[in-house]
Amino acid sequence: MQVEELEFYNRLLDYSNILYLCHRNADPDAVSSAFALSEAVGGTVGLVDGCNRVASLLIDKLNIDVVENPDPSQYDITLVVDTSTSSQLNDIKLGKYCVIDHHATTALIDNAEFYLHRHATSTAEIVFDILRIMGAPIMRRTALGLLTGIITDTGHFKHASSDTFRTVSEIIETSGVEYAEVLEMMASTPQDISMRIAMLKCATRANIERVDDWLVVDSHVNSFGGAASSMFLNIGADVALIGTSRDRNVRVSGRAKRDAVSSGVNLGKIMEDISSNYKGTGGGHAGAAGIDVVADMDVIIQECRKRIRTILQGKPNPSICEAIKEDSE
């Protein structure tokens, strides 16, 4: 059952032992959202399968207590945070659970006791609305966490909306935390040499396709697929698809620039549609999504590329058009 923020909070109060469960390789949005709710309502933050570098830094800097690989059966209810598919939880048995999420599609809501699912650029923004309605004070640690979650999930505000900025402004105003503090904390994240090696290897394997004035890139890597796809956008791609595989289990991480999204590319919908043909899971946002299936990695990437190609063919790239206009003036 879909509920609003106030009812979501009131329903949580019916439980005394809550597990706030984050998806595998949890990001700052998931960790900060789980932490903020655990501080306000009580409960335990759980990591189903580790977290990424920035989330690890957040846990360390904010001294967040987390439980690795928790058993949901040991809790009254599990609140699944910032997660759209069961595969992101390694298909663990949840038992009684509820959901809070912001992704375009969230398959987990089907069997949830109750859920709060609405469009936002991060789950942290929804959590802040809950805290605001509760009248809960926004403490320093909570504010630092939520701001980090919002900044990272919006790609440092590249995918932000006017609501995003309003929320950030409210968090800063009510907590007293300065934006520069968050940036300084994030800048202290150490560079993992294994990640740097993976990025370089991924770049050497890149396949580049030009679709009119658009560049679609794909590659593969053993890990850090999401980071690799973002890297390709930073160095010139309009859409990037990065595959990782283990045995026959395949994951493709996709990223698309705003211009590609504005021109009709919706990676979340593309991944969801393709995954249904393979009895897998897929989804996410228009500009950032993933698919998990048992299949041949090259086949899945080619299916994604075909759909992206069909959408972009014949459509002008606004960035290229603007550059041509400036050169002619």
C-alpha atoms as a PDB file:
ATOM      1  CA  MET A   1       0.000   0.000   0.000  1.00  0.00           C
ATOM      2  CA  GLN A   2       1.331   3.395  -1.011  1.00  0.00           C
ATOM      3  CA  VAL A   3       1.439   5.882   1.855  1.00  0.00           C
ATOM      4  CA  GLU A   4       2.492   9.498   2.285  1.00  0.00           C
ATOM      5  CA  GLU A   5       5.340  10.753   4.460  1.00  0.00           C
ATOM      6  CA  LEU A   6       3.375  11.218   7.698  1.00  0.00           C
ATOM      7  CA  GLU A   7       1.667   7.831   7.524  1.00  0.00           C
ATOM      8  CA  PHE A   8       4.965   6.184   6.589  1.00  0.00           C
ATOM      9  CA  TYR A   9       6.526   7.577   9.772  1.00  0.00           C
ATOM     10  CA  ASN A  10       3.523   6.584  11.896  1.00  0.00           C
ATOM     11  CA  ARG A  11       3.610   3.037  10.554  1.00  0.00           C
ATOM     12  CA  LEU A  12       7.297   2.717  11.391  1.00  0.00           C
ATOM     13  CA  LEU A  13       6.461   3.583  14.997  1.00  0.00           C
ATOM     14  CA  ASP A  14       4.501   0.315  15.210  1.00  0.00           C
ATOM     15  CA  TYR A  15       7.819  -1.568  15.150  1.00  0.00           C
ATOM     16  CA  SER A  16      10.541  -1.515  17.774  1.00  0.00           C
ATOM     17  CA  ASN A  17      13.266  -3.462  15.968  1.00  0.00           C
ATOM     18  CA  ILE A  18      13.728  -2.132  12.426  1.00  0.00           C
ATOM     19  CA  LEU A  19      16.403  -3.079   9.906  1.00  0.00           C
ATOM     20  CA  TYR A  20      17.190  -0.360   7.354  1.00  0.00           C
ATOM     21  CA  LEU A  21      18.612  -2.416   4.504  1.00  0.00           C
ATOM     22  CA  CYS A  22      20.793  -0.892   1.760  1.00  0.00           C
ATOM     23  CA  HIS A  23      21.396  -2.408  -1.670  1.00  0.00           C
ATOM     24  CA  ARG A  24      24.664  -4.115  -2.565  1.00  0.00           C
ATOM     25  CA  ASN A  25      27.613  -1.784  -3.079  1.00  0.00           C
ATOM     26  CA  ALA A  26      25.527   0.814  -1.254  1.00  0.00           C
ATOM     27  CA  ASP A  27      25.973   4.427  -2.275  1.00  0.00           C
ATOM     28  CA  PRO A  28      25.801   7.549  -0.072  1.00  0.00           C
ATOM     29  CA  ASP A  29      22.112   8.090  -0.900  1.00  0.00           C
ATOM     30  CA  ALA A  30      21.180   4.679   0.494  1.00  0.00           C
ATOM     31  CA  VAL A  31      23.493   4.856   3.513  1.00  0.00           C
ATOM     32  CA  SER A  32      22.596   8.424   4.476  1.00  0.00           C
ATOM     33  CA  SER A  33      18.858   7.760   4.097  1.00  0.00           C
ATOM     34  CA  ALA A  34      19.054   4.635   6.247  1.00  0.00           C
ATOM     35  CA  PHE A  35      21.169   6.438   8.829  1.00  0.00           C
ATOM     36  CA  ALA A  36      18.856   9.473   9.030  1.00  0.00           C
ATOM     37  CA  LEU A  37      15.806   7.285   9.587  1.00  0.00           C
ATOM     38  CA  SER A  38      17.581   5.108  12.157  1.00  0.00           C
ATOM     39  CA  GLU A  39      18.580   8.224  14.097  1.00  0.00           C
ATOM     40  CA  ALA A  40      15.041   9.612  14.041  1.00  0.00           C
ATOM     41  CA  VAL A  41      13.011   6.421  14.579  1.00  0.00           C
ATOM     42  CA  GLY A  42      15.531   3.917  15.915  1.00  0.00           C
ATOM     43  CA  GLY A  43      16.835   0.735  14.365  1.00  0.00           C
ATOM     44  CA  THR A  44      19.831  -0.797  12.613  1.00  0.00           C
ATOM     45  CA  VAL A  45      21.541   0.126   9.345  1.00  0.00           C
ATOM     46  CA  GLY A  46      22.369  -2.984   7.318  1.00  0.00           C
ATOM     47  CA  LEU A  47      24.595  -3.510   4.283  1.00  0.00           C
ATOM     48  CA  VAL A  48      23.627  -6.498   2.183  1.00  0.00           C
ATOM     49  CA  ASP A  49      26.912  -6.557   0.257  1.00  0.00           C
ATOM     50  CA  GLY A  50      29.299  -3.743   1.124  1.00  0.00           C
ATOM     51  CA  CYS A  51      29.298  -0.124  -0.036  1.00  0.00           C
ATOM     52  CA  ASN A  52      31.159   2.109  -2.454  1.00  0.00           C
ATOM     53  CA  ARG A  53      34.135   4.338  -1.634  1.00  0.00           C
ATOM     54  CA  VAL A  54      32.248   7.528  -0.821  1.00  0.00           C
ATOM     55  CA  ALA A  55      29.679   5.663   1.290  1.00  0.00           C
ATOM     56  CA  SER A  56      32.533   3.953   3.142  1.00  0.00           C
ATOM     57  CA  LEU A  57      34.044   7.373   3.833  1.00  0.00           C
ATOM     58  CA  LEU A  58      30.656   8.601   5.053  1.00  0.00           C
ATOM     59  CA  ILE A  59      30.308   5.683   7.456  1.00  0.00           C
ATOM     60  CA  ASP A  60      33.800   6.356   8.797  1.00  0.00           C
ATOM     61  CA  LYS A  61      33.527  10.146   9.072  1.00  0.00           C
ATOM     62  CA  LEU A  62      30.059  10.118  10.650  1.00  0.00           C
ATOM     63  CA  ASN A  63      30.782   7.085  12.827  1.00  0.00           C
ATOM     64  CA  ILE A  64      27.716   5.222  11.549  1.00  0.00           C
ATOM     65  CA  ASP A  65      27.152   1.802  13.093  1.00  0.00           C
ATOM     66  CA  VAL A  66      26.363  -0.733  10.363  1.00  0.00           C
ATOM     67  CA  VAL A  67      25.733  -4.467  10.289  1.00  0.00           C
ATOM     68  CA  GLU A  68      27.207  -6.427   7.398  1.00  0.00           C
ATOM     69  CA  ASN A  69      25.025  -9.112   5.794  1.00  0.00           C
ATOM     70  CA  PRO A  70      22.223  -8.909   8.386  1.00  0.00           C
ATOM     71  CA  ASP A  71      19.521 -11.568   8.737  1.00  0.00           C
ATOM     72  CA  PRO A  72      16.110  -9.891   8.187  1.00  0.00           C
ATOM     73  CA  SER A  73      14.397 -12.642  10.184  1.00  0.00           C
ATOM     74  CA  GLN A  74      16.025 -11.232  13.309  1.00  0.00           C
ATOM     75  CA  TYR A  75      14.084  -7.965  13.004  1.00  0.00           C
ATOM     76  CA  ASP A  76      10.408  -6.996  13.329  1.00  0.00           C
ATOM     77  CA  ILE A  77      10.432  -5.456   9.852  1.00  0.00           C
ATOM     78  CA  THR A  78      12.951  -4.603   7.149  1.00  0.00           C
ATOM     79  CA  LEU A  79      12.828  -1.188   5.518  1.00  0.00           C
ATOM     80  CA  VAL A  80      14.420  -1.556   2.082  1.00  0.00           C
ATOM     81  CA  VAL A  81      16.090   1.752   1.248  1.00  0.00           C
ATOM     82  CA  ASP A  82      16.828   3.193  -2.207  1.00  0.00           C
ATOM     83  CA  THR A  83      16.444  -0.192  -3.929  1.00  0.00           C
ATOM     84  CA  SER A  84      14.312  -1.056  -6.943  1.00  0.00           C
ATOM     85  CA  THR A  85      14.841  -4.804  -7.481  1.00  0.00           C
ATOM     86  CA  SER A  86      15.449  -7.916  -5.378  1.00  0.00           C
ATOM     87  CA  SER A  87      18.629  -8.665  -7.335  1.00  0.00           C
ATOM     88  CA  GLN A  88      20.162  -5.541  -5.795  1.00  0.00           C
ATOM     89  CA  LEU A  89      19.703  -7.313  -2.458  1.00  0.00           C
ATOM     90  CA  ASN A  90      21.265 -10.525  -3.794  1.00  0.00           C
ATOM     91  CA  ASP A  91      17.770 -12.046  -3.650  1.00  0.00           C
ATOM     92  CA  ILE A  92      17.866 -12.511   0.132  1.00  0.00           C
ATOM     93  CA  LYS A  93      14.658 -13.541   1.903  1.00  0.00           C
ATOM     94  CA  LEU A  94      13.160 -10.350   3.317  1.00  0.00           C
ATOM     95  CA  GLY A  95      10.172 -11.623   5.306  1.00  0.00           C
ATOM     96  CA  LYS A  96       8.018  -8.676   6.405  1.00  0.00           C
ATOM     97  CA  TYR A  97       9.282  -5.525   4.707  1.00  0.00           C
ATOM     98  CA  CYS A  98       8.453  -2.013   3.537  1.00  0.00           C
ATOM     99  CA  VAL A  99      10.117   0.228   0.946  1.00  0.00           C
ATOM    100  CA  ILE A 100      11.267   3.809   0.518  1.00  0.00           C
ATOM    101  CA  ASP A 101      12.615   4.604  -2.932  1.00  0.00           C
ATOM    102  CA  HIS A 102      12.855   7.226  -5.667  1.00  0.00           C
ATOM    103  CA  HIS A 103      13.632   5.197  -8.797  1.00  0.00           C
ATOM    104  CA  ALA A 104      11.305   5.401 -11.785  1.00  0.00           C
ATOM    105  CA  THR A 105      10.203   1.804 -11.274  1.00  0.00           C
ATOM    106  CA  THR A 106      10.376  -0.234  -8.078  1.00  0.00           C
ATOM    107  CA  ALA A 107       9.427  -3.895  -8.378  1.00  0.00           C
ATOM    108  CA  LEU A 108       9.840  -4.464  -4.640  1.00  0.00           C
ATOM    109  CA  ILE A 109       6.674  -2.551  -3.788  1.00  0.00           C
ATOM    110  CA  ASP A 110       4.470  -5.408  -5.023  1.00  0.00           C
ATOM    111  CA  ASN A 111       4.832  -7.508  -1.855  1.00  0.00           C
ATOM    112  CA  ALA A 112       5.645  -4.741   0.619  1.00  0.00           C
ATOM    113  CA  GLU A 113       3.545  -4.170   3.748  1.00  0.00           C
ATOM    114  CA  PHE A 114       3.571  -0.480   2.815  1.00  0.00           C
ATOM    115  CA  TYR A 115       5.805   1.786   0.803  1.00  0.00           C
ATOM    116  CA  LEU A 116       6.716   5.382   0.039  1.00  0.00           C
ATOM    117  CA  HIS A 117       7.698   5.728  -3.604  1.00  0.00           C
ATOM    118  CA  ARG A 118       7.722   8.981  -5.504  1.00  0.00           C
ATOM    119  CA  HIS A 119       9.792  10.778  -8.080  1.00  0.00           C
ATOM    120  CA  ALA A 120      12.762  12.642  -6.650  1.00  0.00           C
ATOM    121  CA  THR A 121      16.390  12.985  -7.633  1.00  0.00           C
ATOM    122  CA  SER A 122      17.440  11.080  -4.501  1.00  0.00           C
ATOM    123  CA  THR A 123      15.912   9.045  -1.686  1.00  0.00           C
ATOM    124  CA  ALA A 124      17.595  11.435   0.755  1.00  0.00           C
ATOM    125  CA  GLU A 125      15.180  14.177  -0.327  1.00  0.00           C
ATOM    126  CA  ILE A 126      12.184  11.993   0.526  1.00  0.00           C
ATOM    127  CA  VAL A 127      13.725  11.120   3.886  1.00  0.00           C
ATOM    128  CA  PHE A 128      14.263  14.795   4.641  1.00  0.00           C
ATOM    129  CA  ASP A 129      10.570  15.430   3.964  1.00  0.00           C
ATOM    130  CA  ILE A 130       9.723  12.712   6.512  1.00  0.00           C
ATOM    131  CA  LEU A 131      12.007  14.299   9.112  1.00  0.00           C
ATOM    132  CA  ARG A 132      10.527  17.720   8.423  1.00  0.00           C
ATOM    133  CA  ILE A 133       6.954  16.457   8.824  1.00  0.00           C
ATOM    134  CA  MET A 134       7.982  14.671  12.027  1.00  0.00           C
ATOM    135  CA  GLY A 135       9.397  17.906  13.360  1.00  0.00           C
ATOM    136  CA  ALA A 136      12.668  16.080  14.029  1.00  0.00           C
ATOM    137  CA  PRO A 137      15.765  18.256  14.480  1.00  0.00           C
ATOM    138  CA  ILE A 138      18.265  17.952  11.636  1.00  0.00           C
ATOM    139  CA  MET A 139      21.464  17.188  13.485  1.00  0.00           C
ATOM    140  CA  ARG A 140      24.901  17.827  12.021  1.00  0.00           C
ATOM    141  CA  ARG A 141      25.723  14.181  11.204  1.00  0.00           C
ATOM    142  CA  THR A 142      22.328  13.656   9.592  1.00  0.00           C
ATOM    143  CA  ALA A 143      22.686  16.812   7.495  1.00  0.00           C
ATOM    144  CA  LEU A 144      26.182  15.917   6.293  1.00  0.00           C
ATOM    145  CA  GLY A 145      24.929  12.485   5.294  1.00  0.00           C
ATOM    146  CA  LEU A 146      21.796  13.648   3.469  1.00  0.00           C
ATOM    147  CA  LEU A 147      23.656  16.373   1.593  1.00  0.00           C
ATOM    148  CA  THR A 148      26.298  13.884   0.476  1.00  0.00           C
ATOM    149  CA  GLY A 149      23.559  11.520  -0.690  1.00  0.00           C
ATOM    150  CA  ILE A 150      21.843  14.246  -2.697  1.00  0.00           C
ATOM    151  CA  ILE A 151      25.067  15.570  -4.255  1.00  0.00           C
ATOM    152  CA  THR A 152      26.283  12.155  -5.380  1.00  0.00           C
ATOM    153  CA  ASP A 153      22.924  10.874  -6.632  1.00  0.00           C
ATOM    154  CA  THR A 154      22.368  13.973  -8.752  1.00  0.00           C
ATOM    155  CA  GLY A 155      25.863  13.782 -10.253  1.00  0.00           C
ATOM    156  CA  HIS A 156      26.905  16.942  -8.405  1.00  0.00           C
ATOM    157  CA  PHE A 157      23.571  18.543  -9.377  1.00  0.00           C
ATOM    158  CA  LYS A 158      23.783  17.744 -13.096  1.00  0.00           C
ATOM    159  CA  HIS A 159      20.436  15.938 -12.761  1.00  0.00           C
ATOM    160  CA  ALA A 160      19.025  18.208 -10.066  1.00  0.00           C
ATOM    161  CA  SER A 161      15.583  19.791 -10.182  1.00  0.00           C
ATOM    162  CA  SER A 162      14.291  22.956  -8.542  1.00  0.00           C
ATOM    163  CA  ASP A 163      12.969  20.746  -5.722  1.00  0.00           C
ATOM    164  CA  THR A 164      16.480  19.378  -5.208  1.00  0.00           C
ATOM    165  CA  PHE A 165      17.901  22.838  -4.629  1.00  0.00           C
ATOM    166  CA  ARG A 166      15.045  23.775  -2.316  1.00  0.00           C
ATOM    167  CA  THR A 167      15.718  20.693  -0.195  1.00  0.00           C
ATOM    168  CA  VAL A 168      19.459  21.370  -0.075  1.00  0.00           C
ATOM    169  CA  SER A 169      18.765  24.951   0.966  1.00  0.00           C
ATOM    170  CA  GLU A 170      16.428  23.789   3.761  1.00  0.00           C
ATOM    171  CA  ILE A 171      18.922  21.253   5.064  1.00  0.00           C
ATOM    172  CA  ILE A 172      21.684  23.861   5.188  1.00  0.00           C
ATOM    173  CA  GLU A 173      19.405  26.443   6.805  1.00  0.00           C
ATOM    174  CA  THR A 174      17.999  24.116   9.474  1.00  0.00           C
ATOM    175  CA  SER A 175      21.243  22.319  10.333  1.00  0.00           C
ATOM    176  CA  GLY A 176      23.855  25.045  10.053  1.00  0.00           C
ATOM    177  CA  VAL A 177      26.103  22.755   8.024  1.00  0.00           C
ATOM    178  CA  GLU A 178      27.942  24.574   5.248  1.00  0.00           C
ATOM    179  CA  TYR A 179      27.976  23.249   1.702  1.00  0.00           C
ATOM    180  CA  ALA A 180      31.757  23.606   1.591  1.00  0.00           C
ATOM    181  CA  GLU A 181      32.068  21.158   4.502  1.00  0.00           C
ATOM    182  CA  VAL A 182      30.371  18.454   2.468  1.00  0.00           C
ATOM    183  CA  LEU A 183      32.587  19.067  -0.548  1.00  0.00           C
ATOM    184  CA  GLU A 184      35.722  18.990   1.599  1.00  0.00           C
ATOM    185  CA  MET A 185      34.660  15.698   3.151  1.00  0.00           C
ATOM    186  CA  MET A 186      33.942  14.154  -0.253  1.00  0.00           C
ATOM    187  CA  ALA A 187      37.252  15.428  -1.646  1.00  0.00           C
ATOM    188  CA  SER A 188      39.096  13.459   1.034  1.00  0.00           C
ATOM    189  CA  THR A 189      37.921  10.146  -0.465  1.00  0.00           C
ATOM    190  CA  PRO A 190      41.095   8.184  -1.271  1.00  0.00           C
ATOM    191  CA  GLN A 191      41.628   7.039  -4.849  1.00  0.00           C
ATOM    192  CA  ASP A 192      41.584   3.249  -5.066  1.00  0.00           C
ATOM    193  CA  ILE A 193      44.440   2.084  -7.322  1.00  0.00           C
ATOM    194  CA  SER A 194      42.457  -0.981  -8.378  1.00  0.00           C
ATOM    195  CA  MET A 195      39.686   1.340  -9.553  1.00  0.00           C
ATOM    196  CA  ARG A 196      42.152   3.478 -11.499  1.00  0.00           C
ATOM    197  CA  ILE A 197      43.533   0.380 -13.216  1.00  0.00           C
ATOM    198  CA  ALA A 198      40.004  -0.793 -14.028  1.00  0.00           C
ATOM    199  CA  MET A 199      39.136   2.584 -15.596  1.00  0.00           C
ATOM    200  CA  LEU A 200      42.233   2.507 -17.806  1.00  0.00           C
ATOM    201  CA  LYS A 201      41.582  -1.072 -18.938  1.00  0.00           C
ATOM    202  CA  CYS A 202      37.950  -0.239 -19.637  1.00  0.00           C
ATOM    203  CA  ALA A 203      38.992   2.713 -21.802  1.00  0.00           C
ATOM    204  CA  THR A 204      41.291   0.534 -23.930  1.00  0.00           C
ATOM    205  CA  ARG A 205      38.397  -1.869 -24.661  1.00  0.00           C
ATOM    206  CA  ALA A 206      35.916   0.825 -25.680  1.00  0.00           C
ATOM    207  CA  ASN A 207      33.724   0.453 -28.759  1.00  0.00           C
ATOM    208  CA  ILE A 208      32.641   3.828 -30.122  1.00  0.00           C
ATOM    209  CA  GLU A 209      29.630   4.286 -32.384  1.00  0.00           C
ATOM    210  CA  ARG A 210      28.647   7.567 -33.960  1.00  0.00           C
ATOM    211  CA  VAL A 211      24.917   8.063 -34.429  1.00  0.00           C
ATOM    212  CA  ASP A 212      24.698  11.320 -36.387  1.00  0.00           C
ATOM    213  CA  ASP A 213      26.171  13.793 -33.875  1.00  0.00           C
ATOM    214  CA  TRP A 214      25.812  11.446 -30.891  1.00  0.00           C
ATOM    215  CA  LEU A 215      28.510   9.171 -29.471  1.00  0.00           C
ATOM    216  CA  VAL A 216      27.460   5.863 -27.916  1.00  0.00           C
ATOM    217  CA  VAL A 217      30.224   3.915 -26.170  1.00  0.00           C
ATOM    218  CA  ASP A 218      30.332   0.458 -24.661  1.00  0.00           C
ATOM    219  CA  SER A 219      33.021  -1.549 -22.908  1.00  0.00           C
ATOM    220  CA  HIS A 220      33.459  -4.154 -20.186  1.00  0.00           C
ATOM    221  CA  VAL A 221      35.296  -4.384 -16.898  1.00  0.00           C
ATOM    222  CA  ASN A 222      35.521  -6.795 -13.961  1.00  0.00           C
ATOM    223  CA  SER A 223      34.218  -4.242 -11.439  1.00  0.00           C
ATOM    224  CA  PHE A 224      33.385  -0.533 -11.039  1.00  0.00           C
ATOM    225  CA  GLY A 225      30.936  -0.608 -13.951  1.00  0.00           C
ATOM    226  CA  GLY A 226      28.976   2.401 -12.725  1.00  0.00           C
ATOM    227  CA  ALA A 227      32.110   4.499 -12.255  1.00  0.00           C
ATOM    228  CA  ALA A 228      33.367   3.472 -15.698  1.00  0.00           C
ATOM    229  CA  SER A 229      30.136   4.494 -17.421  1.00  0.00           C
ATOM    230  CA  SER A 230      30.275   7.890 -15.709  1.00  0.00           C
ATOM    231  CA  MET A 231      33.924   8.253 -16.753  1.00  0.00           C
ATOM    232  CA  PHE A 232      33.007   7.852 -20.417  1.00  0.00           C
ATOM    233  CA  LEU A 233      30.450  10.656 -20.155  1.00  0.00           C
ATOM    234  CA  ASN A 234      33.125  12.879 -18.648  1.00  0.00           C
ATOM    235  CA  ILE A 235      35.484  12.294 -21.582  1.00  0.00           C
ATOM    236  CA  GLY A 236      32.986  12.774 -24.404  1.00  0.00           C
ATOM    237  CA  ALA A 237      30.388  10.017 -24.705  1.00  0.00           C
ATOM    238  CA  ASP A 238      26.698  10.906 -24.826  1.00  0.00           C
ATOM    239  CA  VAL A 239      25.621   7.432 -23.712  1.00  0.00           C
ATOM    240  CA  ALA A 240      27.826   4.759 -22.119  1.00  0.00           C
ATOM    241  CA  LEU A 241      27.108   1.079 -21.469  1.00  0.00           C
ATOM    242  CA  ILE A 242      29.520  -0.953 -19.342  1.00  0.00           C
ATOM    243  CA  GLY A 243      29.178  -4.695 -18.889  1.00  0.00           C
ATOM    244  CA  THR A 244      30.445  -6.850 -16.045  1.00  0.00           C
ATOM    245  CA  SER A 245      29.957 -10.601 -15.893  1.00  0.00           C
ATOM    246  CA  ARG A 246      30.538 -13.563 -13.630  1.00  0.00           C
ATOM    247  CA  ASP A 247      29.800 -16.934 -15.205  1.00  0.00           C
ATOM    248  CA  ARG A 248      26.505 -16.260 -16.999  1.00  0.00           C
ATOM    249  CA  ASN A 249      25.388 -13.518 -14.632  1.00  0.00           C
ATOM    250  CA  VAL A 250      25.621 -10.234 -16.475  1.00  0.00           C
ATOM    251  CA  ARG A 251      25.210  -6.656 -15.291  1.00  0.00           C
ATOM    252  CA  VAL A 252      25.191  -3.683 -17.643  1.00  0.00           C
ATOM    253  CA  SER A 253      25.478  -0.204 -16.132  1.00  0.00           C
ATOM    254  CA  GLY A 254      24.286   2.661 -18.309  1.00  0.00           C
ATOM    255  CA  ARG A 255      24.692   6.419 -18.131  1.00  0.00           C
ATOM    256  CA  ALA A 256      23.351   9.112 -20.459  1.00  0.00           C
ATOM    257  CA  LYS A 257      23.954  12.846 -20.662  1.00  0.00           C
ATOM    258  CA  ARG A 258      21.101  15.257 -20.121  1.00  0.00           C
ATOM    259  CA  ASP A 259      20.890  16.109 -23.845  1.00  0.00           C
ATOM    260  CA  ALA A 260      20.444  12.427 -24.703  1.00  0.00           C
ATOM    261  CA  VAL A 261      17.748  12.071 -22.058  1.00  0.00           C
ATOM    262  CA  SER A 262      15.997  15.209 -23.336  1.00  0.00           C
ATOM    263  CA  SER A 263      16.054  13.675 -26.806  1.00  0.00           C
ATOM    264  CA  GLY A 264      14.162  10.603 -25.617  1.00  0.00           C
ATOM    265  CA  VAL A 265      16.712   8.192 -24.145  1.00  0.00           C
ATOM    266  CA  ASN A 266      15.329   6.596 -20.976  1.00  0.00           C
ATOM    267  CA  LEU A 267      17.848   4.022 -19.810  1.00  0.00           C
ATOM    268  CA  GLY A 268      15.645   2.907 -16.919  1.00  0.00           C
ATOM    269  CA  LYS A 269      12.811   1.995 -19.295  1.00  0.00           C
ATOM    270  CA  ILE A 270      15.177   0.388 -21.806  1.00  0.00           C
ATOM    271  CA  MET A 271      16.825  -1.765 -19.124  1.00  0.00           C
ATOM    272  CA  GLU A 272      13.476  -2.744 -17.631  1.00  0.00           C
ATOM    273  CA  ASP A 273      12.037  -3.770 -21.016  1.00  0.00           C
ATOM    274  CA  ILE A 274      15.072  -5.842 -22.017  1.00  0.00           C
ATOM    275  CA  SER A 275      15.344  -7.557 -18.629  1.00  0.00           C
ATOM    276  CA  SER A 276      11.765  -8.836 -18.919  1.00  0.00           C
ATOM    277  CA  ASN A 277      12.800 -10.882 -21.968  1.00  0.00           C
ATOM    278  CA  TYR A 278      15.437 -12.688 -19.921  1.00  0.00           C
ATOM    279  CA  LYS A 279      13.558 -13.125 -16.639  1.00  0.00           C
ATOM    280  CA  GLY A 280      16.012 -10.712 -15.070  1.00  0.00           C
ATOM    281  CA  THR A 281      15.730  -7.331 -13.408  1.00  0.00           C
ATOM    282  CA  GLY A 282      16.457  -3.896 -14.751  1.00  0.00           C
ATOM    283  CA  GLY A 283      15.555  -0.276 -14.219  1.00  0.00           C
ATOM    284  CA  GLY A 284      16.657   2.974 -12.675  1.00  0.00           C
ATOM    285  CA  HIS A 285      16.567   6.546 -13.912  1.00  0.00           C
ATOM    286  CA  ALA A 286      16.413   7.962 -17.409  1.00  0.00           C
ATOM    287  CA  GLY A 287      20.078   8.951 -17.217  1.00  0.00           C
ATOM    288  CA  ALA A 288      21.423   6.194 -14.959  1.00  0.00           C
ATOM    289  CA  ALA A 289      20.242   2.599 -14.896  1.00  0.00           C
ATOM    290  CA  GLY A 290      21.311  -1.022 -14.737  1.00  0.00           C
ATOM    291  CA  ILE A 291      20.228  -4.492 -15.806  1.00  0.00           C
ATOM    292  CA  ASP A 292      20.964  -7.867 -14.179  1.00  0.00           C
ATOM    293  CA  VAL A 293      20.293 -10.980 -16.280  1.00  0.00           C
ATOM    294  CA  VAL A 294      21.623 -14.427 -17.066  1.00  0.00           C
ATOM    295  CA  ALA A 295      22.652 -14.055 -20.696  1.00  0.00           C
ATOM    296  CA  ASP A 296      25.501 -13.248 -23.058  1.00  0.00           C
ATOM    297  CA  MET A 297      26.925  -9.838 -22.193  1.00  0.00           C
ATOM    298  CA  ASP A 298      27.519  -8.801 -25.813  1.00  0.00           C
ATOM    299  CA  VAL A 299      23.922  -9.650 -26.721  1.00  0.00           C
ATOM    300  CA  ILE A 300      22.523  -7.494 -23.915  1.00  0.00           C
ATOM    301  CA  ILE A 301      24.781  -4.552 -24.765  1.00  0.00           C
ATOM    302  CA  GLN A 302      23.830  -4.788 -28.432  1.00  0.00           C
ATOM    303  CA  GLU A 303      20.126  -4.806 -27.569  1.00  0.00           C
ATOM    304  CA  CYS A 304      20.628  -1.669 -25.478  1.00  0.00           C
ATOM    305  CA  ARG A 305      22.617  -0.001 -28.254  1.00  0.00           C
ATOM    306  CA  LYS A 306      19.969  -0.850 -30.854  1.00  0.00           C
ATOM    307  CA  ARG A 307      17.234   0.835 -28.825  1.00  0.00           C
ATOM    308  CA  ILE A 308      19.394   3.867 -28.094  1.00  0.00           C
ATOM    309  CA  ARG A 309      20.365   4.142 -31.772  1.00  0.00           C
ATOM    310  CA  THR A 310      16.725   4.056 -32.850  1.00  0.00           C
ATOM    311  CA  ILE A 311      15.858   6.861 -30.427  1.00  0.00           C
ATOM    312  CA  LEU A 312      18.757   9.156 -31.343  1.00  0.00           C
ATOM    313  CA  GLN A 313      18.863   8.738 -35.121  1.00  0.00           C
ATOM    314  CA  GLY A 314      17.796  11.885 -36.909  1.00  0.00           C
ATOM    315  CA  LYS A 315      17.699  13.982 -33.748  1.00  0.00           C
ATOM    316  CA  PRO A 316      20.104  16.918 -33.425  1.00  0.00           C
ATOM    317  CA  ASN A 317      22.523  17.001 -30.515  1.00  0.00           C
ATOM    318  CA  PRO A 318      21.829  20.357 -28.787  1.00  0.00           C
ATOM    319  CA  SER A 319      25.434  20.686 -27.603  1.00  0.00           C
ATOM    320  CA  ILE A 320      26.796  20.251 -31.127  1.00  0.00           C
ATOM    321  CA  CYS A 321      24.222  22.643 -32.599  1.00  0.00           C
ATOM    322  CA  GLU A 322      25.098  25.297 -30.033  1.00  0.00           C
ATOM    323  CA  ALA A 323      28.817  24.908 -30.701  1.00  0.00           C
ATOM    324  CA  ILE A 324      28.266  25.308 -34.459  1.00  0.00           C
ATOM    325  CA  LYS A 325      26.130  28.390 -33.844  1.00  0.00           C
ATOM    326  CA  GLU A 326      28.812  29.985 -31.668  1.00  0.00           C
ATOM    327  CA  ASP A 327      31.509  29.291 -34.257  1.00  0.00           C
ATOM    328  CA  SER A 328      29.457  30.918 -36.997  1.00  0.00           C
ATOM    329  CA  GLU A 329      28.856  34.122 -35.049  1.00  0.00           C
END
